[in-house]
Protein backbone atom coordinates (compact mmCIF):
# COMPACT_ATOMS: atom_id res chain seq x y z
CA UNK A 1 102.17 115.81 111.15
CA UNK A 2 105.43 115.68 109.17
CA UNK A 3 107.50 117.38 111.87
CA UNK A 4 105.99 115.27 114.63
CA UNK A 5 106.82 112.14 112.63
CA UNK A 6 110.40 113.30 112.05
CA UNK A 7 110.86 114.12 115.72
CA UNK A 8 109.47 110.81 116.88
CA UNK A 9 111.56 108.75 114.46
CA UNK A 10 114.80 110.64 115.08
CA UNK A 11 117.79 109.01 113.41
CA UNK A 12 115.66 105.98 112.50
CA UNK A 13 113.84 107.88 109.76
CA UNK A 14 113.58 106.92 106.07
CA UNK A 15 113.07 110.57 105.05
CA UNK A 16 116.27 112.16 103.72
CA UNK A 17 115.24 115.81 104.10
CA UNK A 18 112.09 117.85 104.66
CA UNK A 19 110.51 121.28 104.16
CA UNK A 20 107.50 122.54 106.14
CA UNK A 21 105.64 125.81 105.42
CA UNK A 22 103.23 127.71 107.69
CA UNK A 23 103.25 125.06 110.41
CA UNK A 24 100.64 125.13 113.22
CA UNK A 25 103.27 124.19 115.81
CA UNK A 26 100.85 124.44 118.78
CA UNK A 27 97.38 123.20 117.86
CA UNK A 28 95.79 124.63 121.00
CA UNK A 29 97.12 128.10 120.32
CA UNK A 30 96.14 127.89 116.65
CA UNK A 31 92.63 126.88 117.68
CA UNK A 32 92.55 130.08 119.74
CA UNK A 33 94.06 132.25 116.99
CA UNK A 34 91.59 131.20 114.30
CA UNK A 35 88.78 132.36 116.57
CA UNK A 36 89.99 135.96 116.56
CA UNK A 37 89.36 138.83 114.17
CA UNK A 38 88.92 138.14 110.50
CA UNK A 39 90.26 134.63 111.00
CA UNK A 40 86.83 133.70 112.34
CA UNK A 41 85.66 133.68 108.72
CA UNK A 42 88.05 130.81 108.06
CA UNK A 43 86.95 129.09 111.25
CA UNK A 44 83.30 129.21 110.18
CA UNK A 45 84.23 127.78 106.77
CA UNK A 46 86.28 124.94 108.24
CA UNK A 47 83.64 124.13 110.86
CA UNK A 48 80.94 123.91 108.22
CA UNK A 49 83.10 121.58 106.13
CA UNK A 50 84.07 119.33 109.06
CA UNK A 51 80.52 118.95 110.32
CA UNK A 52 79.34 118.20 106.78
CA UNK A 53 82.05 115.52 106.56
CA UNK A 54 80.77 113.79 109.70
CA UNK A 55 77.19 113.94 108.42
CA UNK A 56 78.33 112.41 105.12
CA UNK A 57 79.99 109.58 107.06
CA UNK A 58 76.79 108.97 108.99
CA UNK A 59 74.80 108.83 105.77
CA UNK A 60 77.32 106.46 104.18
CA UNK A 61 77.32 104.11 107.17
CA UNK A 62 73.53 104.11 107.23
CA UNK A 63 73.29 103.32 103.50
CA UNK A 64 75.82 100.49 103.76
CA UNK A 65 74.35 98.99 106.90
CA UNK A 66 77.47 99.63 108.97
CA UNK A 67 75.55 99.85 112.21
CA UNK A 68 78.57 99.60 114.51
CA UNK A 69 80.33 102.51 112.81
CA UNK A 70 77.10 104.50 112.86
CA UNK A 71 76.66 103.80 116.56
CA UNK A 72 80.23 104.96 117.24
CA UNK A 73 79.52 108.33 115.66
CA UNK A 74 76.15 108.54 117.36
CA UNK A 75 77.74 108.00 120.76
CA UNK A 76 79.73 111.20 120.28
CA UNK A 77 76.57 113.24 120.66
CA UNK A 78 74.82 115.86 118.60
CA UNK A 79 76.59 117.83 115.90
CA UNK A 80 74.58 120.92 116.74
CA UNK A 81 76.00 123.88 118.60
CA UNK A 82 79.63 123.48 117.59
CA UNK A 83 81.25 126.79 116.61
CA UNK A 84 84.97 126.45 117.30
CA UNK A 85 87.82 124.00 116.77
CA UNK A 86 87.80 123.41 120.52
CA UNK A 87 84.15 122.35 120.25
CA UNK A 88 84.73 119.98 117.34
CA UNK A 89 87.95 118.45 118.60
CA UNK A 90 86.58 118.04 122.11
CA UNK A 91 83.36 116.41 120.96
CA UNK A 92 84.51 114.51 117.84
CA UNK A 93 88.26 114.24 117.24
CA UNK A 94 89.44 113.48 120.78
CA UNK A 95 87.01 110.73 121.82
CA UNK A 96 86.99 109.19 118.36
CA UNK A 97 90.77 108.71 118.44
CA UNK A 98 91.39 107.82 122.06
CA UNK A 99 92.24 111.21 123.57
CA UNK A 100 90.68 112.32 126.83
CA UNK A 101 89.69 115.76 125.56
CA UNK A 102 90.71 118.52 123.13
CA UNK A 103 93.58 119.66 125.35
CA UNK A 104 95.01 116.14 125.49
CA UNK A 105 94.71 115.81 121.72
CA UNK A 106 96.36 119.17 121.05
CA UNK A 107 99.21 118.47 123.46
CA UNK A 108 100.01 115.04 122.08
CA UNK A 109 99.57 115.94 118.40
CA UNK A 110 101.37 119.30 118.29
CA UNK A 111 104.71 119.18 116.49
CA UNK A 112 106.41 121.82 118.64
CA UNK A 113 107.11 119.31 121.39
CA UNK A 114 109.01 117.01 119.01
CA UNK A 115 111.23 119.45 117.11
CA UNK A 116 114.32 118.70 119.17
CA UNK A 117 114.29 115.07 118.04
CA UNK A 118 114.49 115.78 114.30
CA UNK A 119 117.65 114.19 112.88
CA UNK A 120 117.38 114.92 109.15
CA UNK A 121 118.00 118.28 107.40
CA UNK A 122 114.75 120.22 107.77
CA UNK A 123 113.78 123.67 106.55
CA UNK A 124 110.92 125.56 108.25
CA UNK A 125 109.41 128.59 106.49
CA UNK A 126 107.09 130.78 108.57
CA UNK A 127 105.66 134.31 108.55
CA UNK A 128 104.91 136.61 111.44
CA UNK A 129 101.52 137.62 110.01
CA UNK A 130 100.05 134.15 109.53
CA UNK A 131 96.32 134.52 110.38
CA UNK A 132 96.26 131.01 111.90
CA UNK A 133 99.45 131.10 113.98
CA UNK A 134 100.36 133.41 116.86
CA UNK A 135 103.88 134.83 116.77
CA UNK A 136 104.57 133.21 120.13
CA UNK A 137 103.51 129.82 118.71
CA UNK A 138 106.61 129.79 116.52
CA UNK A 139 109.42 127.91 118.28
CA UNK A 140 112.54 129.55 119.63
CA UNK A 141 115.90 128.66 118.13
CA UNK A 142 116.87 126.71 121.25
CA UNK A 143 113.97 124.31 120.63
CA UNK A 144 115.26 123.26 117.22
CA UNK A 145 117.56 120.33 116.54
CA UNK A 146 121.02 121.11 115.09
CA UNK A 147 119.88 120.03 111.62
CA UNK A 148 116.80 122.26 111.52
CA UNK A 149 116.77 125.71 109.94
CA UNK A 150 113.99 128.24 110.53
CA UNK A 151 113.30 131.10 108.14
CA UNK A 152 110.96 133.67 109.64
CA UNK A 153 109.56 136.32 107.31
CA UNK A 154 107.65 139.43 108.37
CA UNK A 155 104.95 139.06 105.70
CA UNK A 156 103.38 136.32 103.61
CA UNK A 157 100.24 135.25 105.46
CA UNK A 158 99.40 131.55 105.53
CA UNK A 159 101.33 129.64 102.84
CA UNK A 160 102.09 133.08 101.30
CA UNK A 161 98.60 133.60 99.89
CA UNK A 162 95.07 134.45 100.93
CA UNK A 163 92.66 134.20 98.00
CA UNK A 164 89.36 135.94 97.46
CA UNK A 165 86.96 136.51 94.60
CA UNK A 166 85.79 139.88 93.38
CA UNK A 167 83.23 140.07 90.58
CA UNK A 168 84.02 136.50 89.59
CA UNK A 169 87.76 137.13 89.34
CA UNK A 170 90.18 135.35 91.65
CA UNK A 171 92.66 137.62 93.42
CA UNK A 172 95.25 137.26 96.14
CA UNK A 173 95.68 139.23 99.36
CA UNK A 174 97.59 142.04 97.62
CA UNK A 175 95.20 142.33 94.67
CA UNK A 176 97.34 140.52 92.12
CA UNK A 177 95.82 137.77 90.02
CA UNK A 178 97.00 134.16 90.54
CA UNK A 179 98.55 134.25 87.05
CA UNK A 180 100.54 137.37 87.92
CA UNK A 181 101.89 135.68 91.08
CA UNK A 182 102.54 132.26 89.59
CA UNK A 183 106.07 132.96 88.38
CA UNK A 184 107.26 134.46 91.71
CA UNK A 185 105.67 131.53 93.55
CA UNK A 186 107.51 129.08 91.31
CA UNK A 187 110.77 130.92 91.91
CA UNK A 188 110.20 130.80 95.68
CA UNK A 189 109.51 127.06 95.48
CA UNK A 190 112.65 126.44 93.42
CA UNK A 191 114.64 128.62 95.82
CA UNK A 192 113.44 126.66 98.86
CA UNK A 193 114.30 123.39 97.12
CA UNK A 194 117.76 124.72 96.27
CA UNK A 195 118.41 125.89 99.85
CA UNK A 196 117.34 122.54 101.24
CA UNK A 197 119.60 120.71 98.78
CA UNK A 198 122.55 122.86 99.86
CA UNK A 199 121.66 122.11 103.47
CA UNK A 200 121.63 118.36 102.79
CA UNK A 201 124.92 118.42 100.87
CA UNK A 202 126.61 120.51 103.55
CA UNK A 203 125.50 118.10 106.25
CA UNK A 204 126.84 115.15 104.28
CA UNK A 205 130.18 116.91 103.80
CA UNK A 206 130.42 118.03 107.40
CA UNK A 207 130.19 121.73 106.53
CA UNK A 208 128.60 123.95 109.16
CA UNK A 209 125.98 126.27 107.62
CA UNK A 210 124.78 127.41 111.04
CA UNK A 211 121.42 125.66 110.55
CA UNK A 212 120.06 126.77 113.91
CA UNK A 213 120.42 130.47 113.14
CA UNK A 214 117.07 132.21 113.03
CA UNK A 215 116.88 134.32 109.90
CA UNK A 216 114.60 137.27 109.57
CA UNK A 217 113.49 138.56 106.20
CA UNK A 218 116.22 141.18 105.89
CA UNK A 219 118.97 138.77 106.87
CA UNK A 220 117.80 136.18 104.38
CA UNK A 221 117.62 138.65 101.48
CA UNK A 222 121.04 139.98 102.27
CA UNK A 223 122.76 136.66 101.69
């Protein structure tokens, strides 16, 4: 949403700089990816939550006598039988918001098609092993605007963490406790903020930091 907004506004944008992490650049491809392998566990969780949200809205409208709103949701059809994002977005999201179908919604809402229009310093941080994003969904350098920098890391998952619970204790994907990973996470956050600030200052001073260069994990660490 942020990147699409930046790309649509271009130079006429009140945002001074931006950072985006683990971006689903192509919603259609991400809807496919989350239906594969272990990611289907996440899909089932999200689907359950989204359907429950719609049911809660129906209950609220019924209790408050908002018959028109209730009728709008009712016209979308039954909530039964939906298993994938394609199902939900095709049956609920698209018609409810004026799109012809899920494909139309994904095409018009995906940020990848708007990246070239971004006109403020923007830092993108992605990983190659994100369970929600195909590697080929990540944009090529040529698609980025001159003020956009993409950092692509080999590992990190989605937003650098995948949590689970074992015997009542919260752990992360590599077995470390959240407390053990808090300090490194804070350092990464501060580092990203520092890099973005340098990017902004360099742009203002006319210094070329080669913002369109695609960094891999080894190249980034070596600087």
